[in-house]
C-alpha cells in the first residue's frame, strides 16, 4: 500500500482495516462481510509450489520439533507409552483403517481422553440419578478431579516427588 495515500484502497468498505490500525470489539457473529475486523495483511503469502516449514520460535530463537503421532496419542492418554505391548496394539489398531498420518492426527485431536470421559460420564450419571430421585440440588464435598494438587499427588505416588506443594 502506498503510504502517500490518505485512504485504504477499499475506502473502508467491508470493514477492512489497515495493518497498523486497531479494530473495535469483535463479536461472536464476526464475519468478513459484517463488521470492521478484517485486516489488510501486507505480508507475502508463499506460493503454492514453495515448500514451507512453519515453526514457532521462542524469544531466544530456540524451537522444538513437532510431536510425533504416537506422542500426541500418549498425551491424550489413549495408551500407556511405558507398556511396549500397549504401544504395539495401539499402532496396529491405527493402521487397520488407513495409513494416513494426517487422518490419525485428526482422530487423536478429536478424541476425548479416557480419564476425562470417565469423570464426565460419572457426573452425568450422578446428575441423572439425582434428577430421578427428585433432587434438584446437592451440596457435595466431592473433589474436583483436575485440581493441580490432586495431579501432583498422583504423580508423586507413581515416581517419587513430582511437585513441592506449599501450604
N, C-alpha and C. Protein backbone atom coordinates (compact mmCIF):
# COMPACT_ATOMS: atom_id res chain seq x y z
N UNK A 1 0.84 -1.17 0.00
CA UNK A 1 0.00 0.00 0.00
C UNK A 1 0.89 1.23 0.00
N UNK A 2 0.55 2.18 -0.79
CA UNK A 2 1.31 3.42 -0.93
C UNK A 2 1.07 4.30 0.30
N UNK A 3 2.14 4.65 1.06
CA UNK A 3 1.95 5.45 2.28
C UNK A 3 1.44 6.85 2.01
N UNK A 4 1.58 7.35 0.77
CA UNK A 4 1.11 8.70 0.48
C UNK A 4 -0.41 8.77 0.31
N UNK A 5 -1.03 7.62 0.18
CA UNK A 5 -2.50 7.61 0.03
C UNK A 5 -3.15 7.95 1.36
N UNK A 6 -4.22 8.66 1.32
CA UNK A 6 -4.92 9.05 2.54
C UNK A 6 -5.99 8.04 2.93
N UNK A 7 -6.37 7.20 2.01
CA UNK A 7 -7.40 6.21 2.31
C UNK A 7 -6.93 4.85 1.79
N UNK A 8 -7.37 3.82 2.46
CA UNK A 8 -7.05 2.47 2.01
C UNK A 8 -7.80 2.20 0.71
N UNK A 9 -7.29 1.29 -0.09
CA UNK A 9 -7.82 1.00 -1.42
C UNK A 9 -9.34 0.80 -1.43
N UNK A 10 -9.87 0.14 -0.42
CA UNK A 10 -11.32 -0.11 -0.41
C UNK A 10 -12.10 1.03 0.20
N UNK A 11 -11.41 2.03 0.73
CA UNK A 11 -12.11 3.16 1.34
C UNK A 11 -12.89 2.76 2.58
N UNK A 12 -12.50 1.65 3.21
CA UNK A 12 -13.20 1.20 4.41
C UNK A 12 -14.40 0.31 4.14
N UNK A 13 -14.65 0.03 2.86
CA UNK A 13 -15.77 -0.86 2.55
C UNK A 13 -15.49 -2.25 3.11
N UNK A 14 -16.52 -2.95 3.47
CA UNK A 14 -16.44 -4.30 4.03
C UNK A 14 -15.67 -4.32 5.35
N UNK A 15 -15.42 -3.17 5.94
CA UNK A 15 -14.76 -3.11 7.24
C UNK A 15 -13.30 -3.47 7.22
N UNK A 16 -12.63 -3.44 6.07
CA UNK A 16 -11.21 -3.79 6.00
C UNK A 16 -10.40 -2.67 6.63
N UNK A 17 -9.56 -3.03 7.60
CA UNK A 17 -8.72 -2.07 8.31
C UNK A 17 -7.29 -2.15 7.80
N UNK A 18 -6.56 -1.04 7.96
CA UNK A 18 -5.13 -1.06 7.66
C UNK A 18 -4.43 -2.01 8.63
N UNK A 19 -3.26 -2.48 8.24
CA UNK A 19 -2.47 -3.39 9.06
C UNK A 19 -2.17 -2.78 10.43
N UNK A 20 -1.87 -1.50 10.49
CA UNK A 20 -1.46 -0.85 11.74
C UNK A 20 -2.64 -0.31 12.55
N UNK A 21 -3.84 -0.27 11.97
CA UNK A 21 -5.00 0.28 12.67
C UNK A 21 -5.57 -0.73 13.66
N UNK A 22 -6.24 -0.21 14.67
CA UNK A 22 -6.91 -1.10 15.62
C UNK A 22 -8.37 -1.25 15.23
N UNK A 23 -8.94 -2.34 15.67
CA UNK A 23 -10.33 -2.64 15.35
C UNK A 23 -11.15 -2.52 16.63
N UNK A 24 -12.44 -2.37 16.48
CA UNK A 24 -13.32 -2.33 17.65
C UNK A 24 -13.47 -3.72 18.24
N UNK A 25 -14.43 -3.87 19.10
CA UNK A 25 -14.69 -5.16 19.71
C UNK A 25 -15.15 -6.15 18.63
N UNK A 26 -14.72 -7.39 18.75
CA UNK A 26 -15.10 -8.43 17.80
C UNK A 26 -16.21 -9.25 18.43
N UNK A 27 -17.33 -9.32 17.77
CA UNK A 27 -18.47 -10.05 18.32
C UNK A 27 -18.42 -11.51 17.91
N UNK A 28 -19.27 -12.31 18.52
CA UNK A 28 -19.32 -13.73 18.21
C UNK A 28 -19.80 -13.98 16.79
N UNK A 29 -20.52 -13.04 16.22
CA UNK A 29 -21.02 -13.22 14.86
C UNK A 29 -20.11 -12.57 13.82
N UNK A 30 -18.85 -12.33 14.19
CA UNK A 30 -17.92 -11.66 13.28
C UNK A 30 -17.72 -12.49 12.01
N UNK A 31 -17.76 -11.82 10.89
CA UNK A 31 -17.53 -12.45 9.59
C UNK A 31 -16.87 -11.41 8.70
N UNK A 32 -16.33 -11.84 7.59
CA UNK A 32 -15.60 -10.92 6.72
C UNK A 32 -16.48 -9.82 6.12
N UNK A 33 -17.78 -9.99 6.16
CA UNK A 33 -18.64 -9.02 5.48
C UNK A 33 -19.62 -8.29 6.40
N UNK A 34 -19.42 -8.34 7.71
CA UNK A 34 -20.41 -7.69 8.58
C UNK A 34 -19.81 -6.84 9.70
N UNK A 35 -18.59 -6.38 9.56
CA UNK A 35 -18.02 -5.53 10.60
C UNK A 35 -16.61 -5.13 10.27
N UNK A 36 -16.03 -4.33 11.15
CA UNK A 36 -14.69 -3.81 10.87
C UNK A 36 -13.62 -4.61 11.61
N UNK A 37 -13.50 -5.87 11.32
CA UNK A 37 -12.47 -6.70 11.94
C UNK A 37 -11.59 -7.40 10.93
N UNK A 38 -11.81 -7.20 9.67
CA UNK A 38 -10.91 -7.75 8.64
C UNK A 38 -9.68 -6.85 8.54
N UNK A 39 -8.52 -7.46 8.36
CA UNK A 39 -7.26 -6.70 8.31
C UNK A 39 -6.60 -6.94 6.97
N UNK A 40 -6.11 -5.86 6.36
CA UNK A 40 -5.36 -5.96 5.11
C UNK A 40 -3.92 -6.33 5.46
N UNK A 41 -3.58 -7.59 5.32
CA UNK A 41 -2.26 -8.11 5.71
C UNK A 41 -1.27 -7.89 4.57
N UNK A 42 -0.23 -7.06 4.78
CA UNK A 42 0.70 -6.77 3.69
C UNK A 42 1.77 -7.84 3.49
N UNK A 43 1.82 -8.85 4.37
CA UNK A 43 2.86 -9.86 4.24
C UNK A 43 2.62 -10.73 3.01
N UNK A 44 3.70 -11.21 2.42
CA UNK A 44 3.58 -12.07 1.24
C UNK A 44 3.25 -13.49 1.65
N UNK A 45 2.34 -14.09 0.93
CA UNK A 45 1.97 -15.47 1.17
C UNK A 45 2.85 -16.34 0.28
N UNK A 46 3.40 -17.45 0.82
CA UNK A 46 4.22 -18.32 -0.02
C UNK A 46 3.41 -18.87 -1.19
N UNK A 47 4.08 -19.03 -2.30
CA UNK A 47 3.43 -19.60 -3.49
C UNK A 47 3.11 -21.06 -3.24
N UNK A 48 2.15 -21.59 -3.98
CA UNK A 48 1.73 -22.96 -3.80
C UNK A 48 2.82 -23.99 -4.08
N UNK A 49 3.81 -23.62 -4.91
CA UNK A 49 4.87 -24.57 -5.23
C UNK A 49 6.08 -24.44 -4.30
N UNK A 50 6.04 -23.52 -3.35
CA UNK A 50 7.14 -23.37 -2.39
C UNK A 50 6.92 -24.33 -1.23
N UNK A 51 8.02 -24.93 -0.76
CA UNK A 51 7.93 -25.78 0.41
C UNK A 51 8.06 -24.89 1.64
N UNK A 52 7.08 -24.98 2.51
CA UNK A 52 7.04 -24.12 3.69
C UNK A 52 7.16 -24.98 4.94
N UNK A 53 8.06 -24.62 5.81
CA UNK A 53 8.17 -25.25 7.12
C UNK A 53 7.88 -24.17 8.15
N UNK A 54 6.73 -24.26 8.79
CA UNK A 54 6.35 -23.24 9.78
C UNK A 54 6.82 -23.68 11.15
N UNK A 55 7.49 -22.80 11.85
CA UNK A 55 7.98 -23.09 13.19
C UNK A 55 7.63 -21.94 14.12
N UNK A 56 7.28 -22.29 15.34
CA UNK A 56 7.09 -21.27 16.36
C UNK A 56 8.42 -21.14 17.09
N UNK A 57 8.98 -19.96 17.05
CA UNK A 57 10.27 -19.72 17.69
C UNK A 57 10.07 -18.96 18.99
N UNK A 58 10.84 -19.36 20.00
CA UNK A 58 10.82 -18.66 21.28
C UNK A 58 11.59 -17.35 21.14
N UNK A 59 11.49 -16.49 22.14
CA UNK A 59 12.17 -15.20 22.09
C UNK A 59 13.68 -15.36 21.98
N UNK A 60 14.21 -16.46 22.53
CA UNK A 60 15.66 -16.67 22.46
C UNK A 60 16.08 -17.38 21.18
N UNK A 61 15.14 -17.62 20.26
CA UNK A 61 15.47 -18.21 18.97
C UNK A 61 15.37 -19.72 18.91
N UNK A 62 15.11 -20.38 20.03
CA UNK A 62 15.02 -21.84 20.02
C UNK A 62 13.67 -22.28 19.47
N UNK A 63 13.64 -23.49 18.95
CA UNK A 63 12.39 -24.08 18.51
C UNK A 63 12.46 -25.57 18.81
N UNK A 64 11.31 -26.18 18.95
CA UNK A 64 11.23 -27.59 19.30
C UNK A 64 10.59 -28.35 18.15
N UNK A 65 10.99 -29.59 18.00
CA UNK A 65 10.43 -30.41 16.92
C UNK A 65 8.95 -30.66 17.18
N UNK A 66 8.20 -30.93 16.13
CA UNK A 66 6.78 -31.24 16.32
C UNK A 66 6.62 -32.58 17.04
N UNK A 67 5.51 -32.76 17.72
CA UNK A 67 5.22 -34.03 18.36
C UNK A 67 4.95 -35.09 17.30
N UNK A 68 5.40 -36.32 17.58
CA UNK A 68 5.06 -37.43 16.69
C UNK A 68 3.60 -37.82 16.95
N UNK A 69 3.05 -38.62 16.05
CA UNK A 69 1.66 -39.04 16.20
C UNK A 69 1.48 -39.87 17.46
N UNK A 70 2.44 -40.74 17.76
CA UNK A 70 2.35 -41.55 18.98
C UNK A 70 2.45 -40.68 20.23
N UNK A 71 3.30 -39.66 20.19
CA UNK A 71 3.40 -38.75 21.34
C UNK A 71 2.09 -38.01 21.57
N UNK A 72 1.44 -37.59 20.49
CA UNK A 72 0.14 -36.92 20.63
C UNK A 72 -0.90 -37.86 21.25
N UNK A 73 -0.90 -39.12 20.82
CA UNK A 73 -1.84 -40.09 21.37
C UNK A 73 -1.55 -40.36 22.85
N UNK A 74 -0.27 -40.42 23.20
CA UNK A 74 0.09 -40.64 24.60
C UNK A 74 -0.33 -39.45 25.47
N UNK A 75 -0.20 -38.24 24.94
CA UNK A 75 -0.64 -37.06 25.68
C UNK A 75 -2.15 -37.07 25.92
N UNK A 76 -2.90 -37.67 25.01
CA UNK A 76 -4.34 -37.80 25.18
C UNK A 76 -4.69 -39.00 26.06
N UNK A 77 -3.68 -39.69 26.58
CA UNK A 77 -3.82 -40.90 27.41
C UNK A 77 -4.61 -41.99 26.70
N UNK A 78 -4.39 -42.13 25.39
CA UNK A 78 -5.07 -43.17 24.62
C UNK A 78 -4.38 -44.52 24.77
N UNK A 79 -3.14 -44.52 25.24
CA UNK A 79 -2.42 -45.76 25.53
C UNK A 79 -1.31 -45.43 26.52
N UNK A 80 -0.75 -46.48 27.12
CA UNK A 80 0.33 -46.30 28.09
C UNK A 80 1.66 -46.38 27.35
N UNK A 81 2.40 -45.28 27.24
CA UNK A 81 3.66 -45.31 26.48
C UNK A 81 4.75 -46.14 27.14
N UNK A 82 4.58 -46.49 28.41
CA UNK A 82 5.59 -47.30 29.11
C UNK A 82 5.41 -48.79 28.86
N UNK A 83 4.28 -49.19 28.29
CA UNK A 83 3.98 -50.59 28.05
C UNK A 83 4.17 -50.91 26.56
N UNK A 84 5.25 -51.66 26.21
CA UNK A 84 5.51 -51.94 24.79
C UNK A 84 4.35 -52.66 24.09
N UNK A 85 3.66 -53.55 24.80
CA UNK A 85 2.53 -54.26 24.19
C UNK A 85 1.39 -53.29 23.89
N UNK A 86 1.18 -52.33 24.77
CA UNK A 86 0.14 -51.32 24.57
C UNK A 86 0.47 -50.43 23.37
N UNK A 87 1.74 -50.07 23.24
CA UNK A 87 2.18 -49.24 22.10
C UNK A 87 1.97 -50.01 20.80
N UNK A 88 2.36 -51.29 20.78
CA UNK A 88 2.21 -52.10 19.57
C UNK A 88 0.73 -52.28 19.21
N UNK A 89 -0.11 -52.53 20.22
CA UNK A 89 -1.54 -52.71 19.96
C UNK A 89 -2.16 -51.42 19.42
N UNK A 90 -1.76 -50.28 19.98
CA UNK A 90 -2.31 -49.01 19.51
C UNK A 90 -1.86 -48.74 18.08
N UNK A 91 -0.59 -48.98 17.79
CA UNK A 91 -0.06 -48.75 16.44
C UNK A 91 -0.77 -49.64 15.42
N UNK A 92 -0.97 -50.91 15.77
CA UNK A 92 -1.68 -51.83 14.87
C UNK A 92 -3.12 -51.38 14.64
N UNK A 93 -3.79 -50.94 15.71
CA UNK A 93 -5.18 -50.51 15.58
C UNK A 93 -5.29 -49.26 14.71
N UNK A 94 -4.32 -48.37 14.79
CA UNK A 94 -4.38 -47.15 14.00
C UNK A 94 -4.21 -47.42 12.50
N UNK A 95 -3.48 -48.46 12.15
CA UNK A 95 -3.23 -48.73 10.73
C UNK A 95 -4.27 -49.66 10.11
N UNK A 96 -5.24 -50.12 10.89
CA UNK A 96 -6.26 -51.01 10.33
C UNK A 96 -7.13 -50.29 9.30
N UNK A 97 -7.51 -49.06 9.58
CA UNK A 97 -8.45 -48.35 8.72
C UNK A 97 -7.75 -47.56 7.62
N UNK A 98 -6.68 -46.86 7.97
CA UNK A 98 -5.98 -46.03 6.99
C UNK A 98 -4.53 -45.86 7.40
N UNK A 99 -3.69 -45.58 6.43
CA UNK A 99 -2.28 -45.29 6.72
C UNK A 99 -1.99 -43.80 6.69
N UNK A 100 -3.03 -42.99 6.63
CA UNK A 100 -2.86 -41.54 6.56
C UNK A 100 -2.50 -40.97 7.93
N UNK A 101 -1.29 -40.43 8.04
CA UNK A 101 -0.86 -39.84 9.31
C UNK A 101 -1.72 -38.64 9.66
N UNK A 102 -2.11 -37.87 8.66
CA UNK A 102 -2.98 -36.72 8.91
C UNK A 102 -4.33 -37.13 9.48
N UNK A 103 -4.88 -38.22 8.95
CA UNK A 103 -6.16 -38.73 9.46
C UNK A 103 -6.00 -39.21 10.89
N UNK A 104 -4.89 -39.90 11.19
CA UNK A 104 -4.64 -40.36 12.56
C UNK A 104 -4.55 -39.18 13.52
N UNK A 105 -3.84 -38.12 13.12
CA UNK A 105 -3.69 -36.94 13.97
C UNK A 105 -5.05 -36.26 14.20
N UNK A 106 -5.89 -36.25 13.19
CA UNK A 106 -7.22 -35.67 13.36
C UNK A 106 -8.03 -36.47 14.36
N UNK A 107 -7.99 -37.80 14.24
CA UNK A 107 -8.72 -38.65 15.17
C UNK A 107 -8.22 -38.44 16.60
N UNK A 108 -6.90 -38.39 16.75
CA UNK A 108 -6.31 -38.21 18.08
C UNK A 108 -6.71 -36.85 18.66
N UNK A 109 -6.67 -35.82 17.84
CA UNK A 109 -7.04 -34.50 18.31
C UNK A 109 -8.50 -34.39 18.69
N UNK A 110 -9.35 -35.15 18.01
CA UNK A 110 -10.79 -35.11 18.31
C UNK A 110 -11.18 -36.06 19.43
N UNK A 111 -10.27 -36.93 19.85
CA UNK A 111 -10.58 -37.91 20.88
C UNK A 111 -10.74 -37.25 22.24
N UNK A 112 -11.61 -37.81 23.04
CA UNK A 112 -11.75 -37.38 24.44
C UNK A 112 -10.87 -38.32 25.26
N UNK A 113 -9.95 -37.79 26.06
CA UNK A 113 -9.10 -38.66 26.88
C UNK A 113 -9.96 -39.57 27.76
N UNK A 114 -9.61 -40.86 27.85
CA UNK A 114 -10.44 -41.81 28.60
C UNK A 114 -10.71 -41.40 30.05
N UNK A 115 -9.70 -40.88 30.74
CA UNK A 115 -9.92 -40.47 32.14
C UNK A 115 -10.93 -39.34 32.23
N UNK A 116 -10.84 -38.39 31.31
CA UNK A 116 -11.79 -37.27 31.29
C UNK A 116 -13.19 -37.77 30.94
N UNK A 117 -13.28 -38.69 29.98
CA UNK A 117 -14.59 -39.24 29.59
C UNK A 117 -15.24 -39.97 30.76
N UNK A 118 -14.44 -40.71 31.52
CA UNK A 118 -14.98 -41.42 32.68
C UNK A 118 -15.49 -40.43 33.74
N UNK A 119 -14.72 -39.39 34.02
CA UNK A 119 -15.14 -38.40 35.01
C UNK A 119 -16.41 -37.68 34.58
N UNK A 120 -16.48 -37.29 33.31
CA UNK A 120 -17.68 -36.61 32.81
C UNK A 120 -18.88 -37.56 32.85
N UNK A 121 -18.67 -38.82 32.45
CA UNK A 121 -19.74 -39.81 32.48
C UNK A 121 -20.26 -40.05 33.88
N UNK A 122 -19.36 -40.11 34.86
CA UNK A 122 -19.78 -40.30 36.25
C UNK A 122 -20.63 -39.13 36.74
N UNK A 123 -20.25 -37.92 36.38
CA UNK A 123 -21.04 -36.74 36.78
C UNK A 123 -22.40 -36.73 36.10
N UNK A 124 -22.45 -37.13 34.84
CA UNK A 124 -23.74 -37.21 34.13
C UNK A 124 -24.63 -38.25 34.80
N UNK A 125 -24.05 -39.42 35.14
CA UNK A 125 -24.82 -40.47 35.80
C UNK A 125 -25.34 -40.00 37.15
N UNK A 126 -24.49 -39.33 37.93
CA UNK A 126 -24.92 -38.84 39.24
C UNK A 126 -26.06 -37.82 39.07
N UNK A 127 -25.94 -36.94 38.10
CA UNK A 127 -26.98 -35.94 37.85
C UNK A 127 -28.30 -36.60 37.47
N UNK A 128 -28.24 -37.61 36.59
CA UNK A 128 -29.46 -38.31 36.18
C UNK A 128 -30.10 -39.05 37.34
N UNK A 129 -29.27 -39.67 38.19
CA UNK A 129 -29.80 -40.40 39.34
C UNK A 129 -30.45 -39.44 40.34
N UNK A 130 -29.82 -38.29 40.57
CA UNK A 130 -30.40 -37.30 41.47
C UNK A 130 -31.71 -36.75 40.90
N UNK A 131 -31.74 -36.50 39.60
CA UNK A 131 -32.97 -36.00 38.97
C UNK A 131 -34.08 -37.03 39.07
N UNK A 132 -33.73 -38.30 38.91
CA UNK A 132 -34.72 -39.37 39.01
C UNK A 132 -35.28 -39.47 40.43
N UNK A 133 -34.43 -39.16 41.42
CA UNK A 133 -34.86 -39.19 42.82
C UNK A 133 -35.58 -37.91 43.22
N UNK A 134 -35.68 -36.94 42.32
CA UNK A 134 -36.38 -35.70 42.61
C UNK A 134 -35.51 -34.64 43.26
N UNK A 135 -34.22 -34.87 43.34
CA UNK A 135 -33.30 -33.90 43.94
C UNK A 135 -32.94 -32.84 42.90
N UNK A 136 -33.02 -31.58 43.28
CA UNK A 136 -32.64 -30.51 42.36
C UNK A 136 -31.35 -29.83 42.78
N UNK A 137 -30.86 -30.13 43.99
CA UNK A 137 -29.63 -29.51 44.47
C UNK A 137 -28.93 -30.50 45.39
N UNK A 138 -27.61 -30.54 45.29
CA UNK A 138 -26.83 -31.38 46.19
C UNK A 138 -25.57 -30.64 46.56
N UNK A 139 -25.35 -30.48 47.86
CA UNK A 139 -24.11 -29.89 48.34
C UNK A 139 -23.13 -31.04 48.52
N UNK A 140 -22.06 -31.03 47.77
CA UNK A 140 -21.16 -32.18 47.73
C UNK A 140 -19.75 -31.78 48.12
N UNK A 141 -19.09 -32.69 48.79
CA UNK A 141 -17.68 -32.49 49.13
C UNK A 141 -16.80 -33.26 48.15
N UNK A 142 -17.36 -33.67 47.03
CA UNK A 142 -16.60 -34.40 46.02
C UNK A 142 -15.52 -33.50 45.45
N UNK A 143 -14.28 -33.96 45.48
CA UNK A 143 -13.20 -33.10 44.98
C UNK A 143 -13.25 -32.94 43.46
N UNK A 144 -12.72 -31.84 43.00
CA UNK A 144 -12.60 -31.60 41.57
C UNK A 144 -11.40 -32.41 41.08
N UNK A 145 -11.61 -33.27 40.12
CA UNK A 145 -10.56 -34.22 39.73
C UNK A 145 -9.42 -33.61 38.94
N UNK A 146 -9.56 -32.38 38.45
CA UNK A 146 -8.50 -31.76 37.65
C UNK A 146 -7.65 -30.78 38.46
N UNK A 147 -7.79 -30.77 39.77
CA UNK A 147 -7.01 -29.85 40.60
C UNK A 147 -5.52 -30.15 40.48
N UNK A 148 -4.66 -29.14 40.45
CA UNK A 148 -3.21 -29.37 40.36
C UNK A 148 -2.68 -30.18 41.54
N UNK A 149 -3.24 -29.96 42.73
CA UNK A 149 -2.77 -30.68 43.91
C UNK A 149 -3.02 -32.18 43.77
N UNK A 150 -4.19 -32.56 43.25
CA UNK A 150 -4.52 -33.97 43.05
C UNK A 150 -3.58 -34.57 42.01
N UNK A 151 -3.32 -33.84 40.93
CA UNK A 151 -2.40 -34.33 39.91
C UNK A 151 -1.01 -34.51 40.49
N UNK A 152 -0.58 -33.60 41.35
CA UNK A 152 0.74 -33.70 41.97
C UNK A 152 0.81 -34.93 42.86
N UNK A 153 -0.24 -35.20 43.61
CA UNK A 153 -0.23 -36.38 44.48
C UNK A 153 -0.20 -37.66 43.66
N UNK A 154 -0.93 -37.70 42.55
CA UNK A 154 -0.93 -38.89 41.71
C UNK A 154 0.45 -39.12 41.10
N UNK A 155 1.09 -38.06 40.63
CA UNK A 155 2.42 -38.20 40.05
C UNK A 155 3.43 -38.58 41.11
N UNK A 156 3.32 -37.99 42.29
CA UNK A 156 4.26 -38.29 43.36
C UNK A 156 4.14 -39.74 43.80
N UNK A 157 2.92 -40.29 43.78
CA UNK A 157 2.75 -41.67 44.20
C UNK A 157 3.30 -42.64 43.16
N UNK A 158 3.43 -42.21 41.91
CA UNK A 158 3.92 -43.10 40.86
C UNK A 158 5.44 -43.13 40.79
N UNK A 159 6.08 -41.98 40.84
CA UNK A 159 7.53 -41.98 40.66
C UNK A 159 8.21 -40.92 41.52
N UNK A 160 7.97 -40.99 42.82
CA UNK A 160 8.68 -40.09 43.72
C UNK A 160 8.07 -38.71 43.79
N UNK A 161 8.86 -37.78 44.28
CA UNK A 161 8.41 -36.40 44.47
C UNK A 161 8.23 -35.71 43.13
N UNK A 162 7.01 -35.39 42.76
CA UNK A 162 6.75 -34.73 41.47
C UNK A 162 6.72 -33.22 41.62
N UNK A 163 6.07 -32.75 42.67
CA UNK A 163 5.92 -31.32 42.89
C UNK A 163 6.20 -31.02 44.35
N UNK A 164 6.52 -29.80 44.62
CA UNK A 164 6.57 -29.35 46.00
C UNK A 164 5.31 -28.54 46.22
N UNK A 165 4.41 -29.06 47.06
CA UNK A 165 3.15 -28.39 47.33
C UNK A 165 3.33 -27.54 48.57
N UNK A 166 3.13 -26.24 48.42
CA UNK A 166 3.29 -25.33 49.55
C UNK A 166 1.93 -24.90 50.06
N UNK A 167 1.78 -24.92 51.40
CA UNK A 167 0.62 -24.56 52.15
C UNK A 167 -0.39 -23.78 51.54
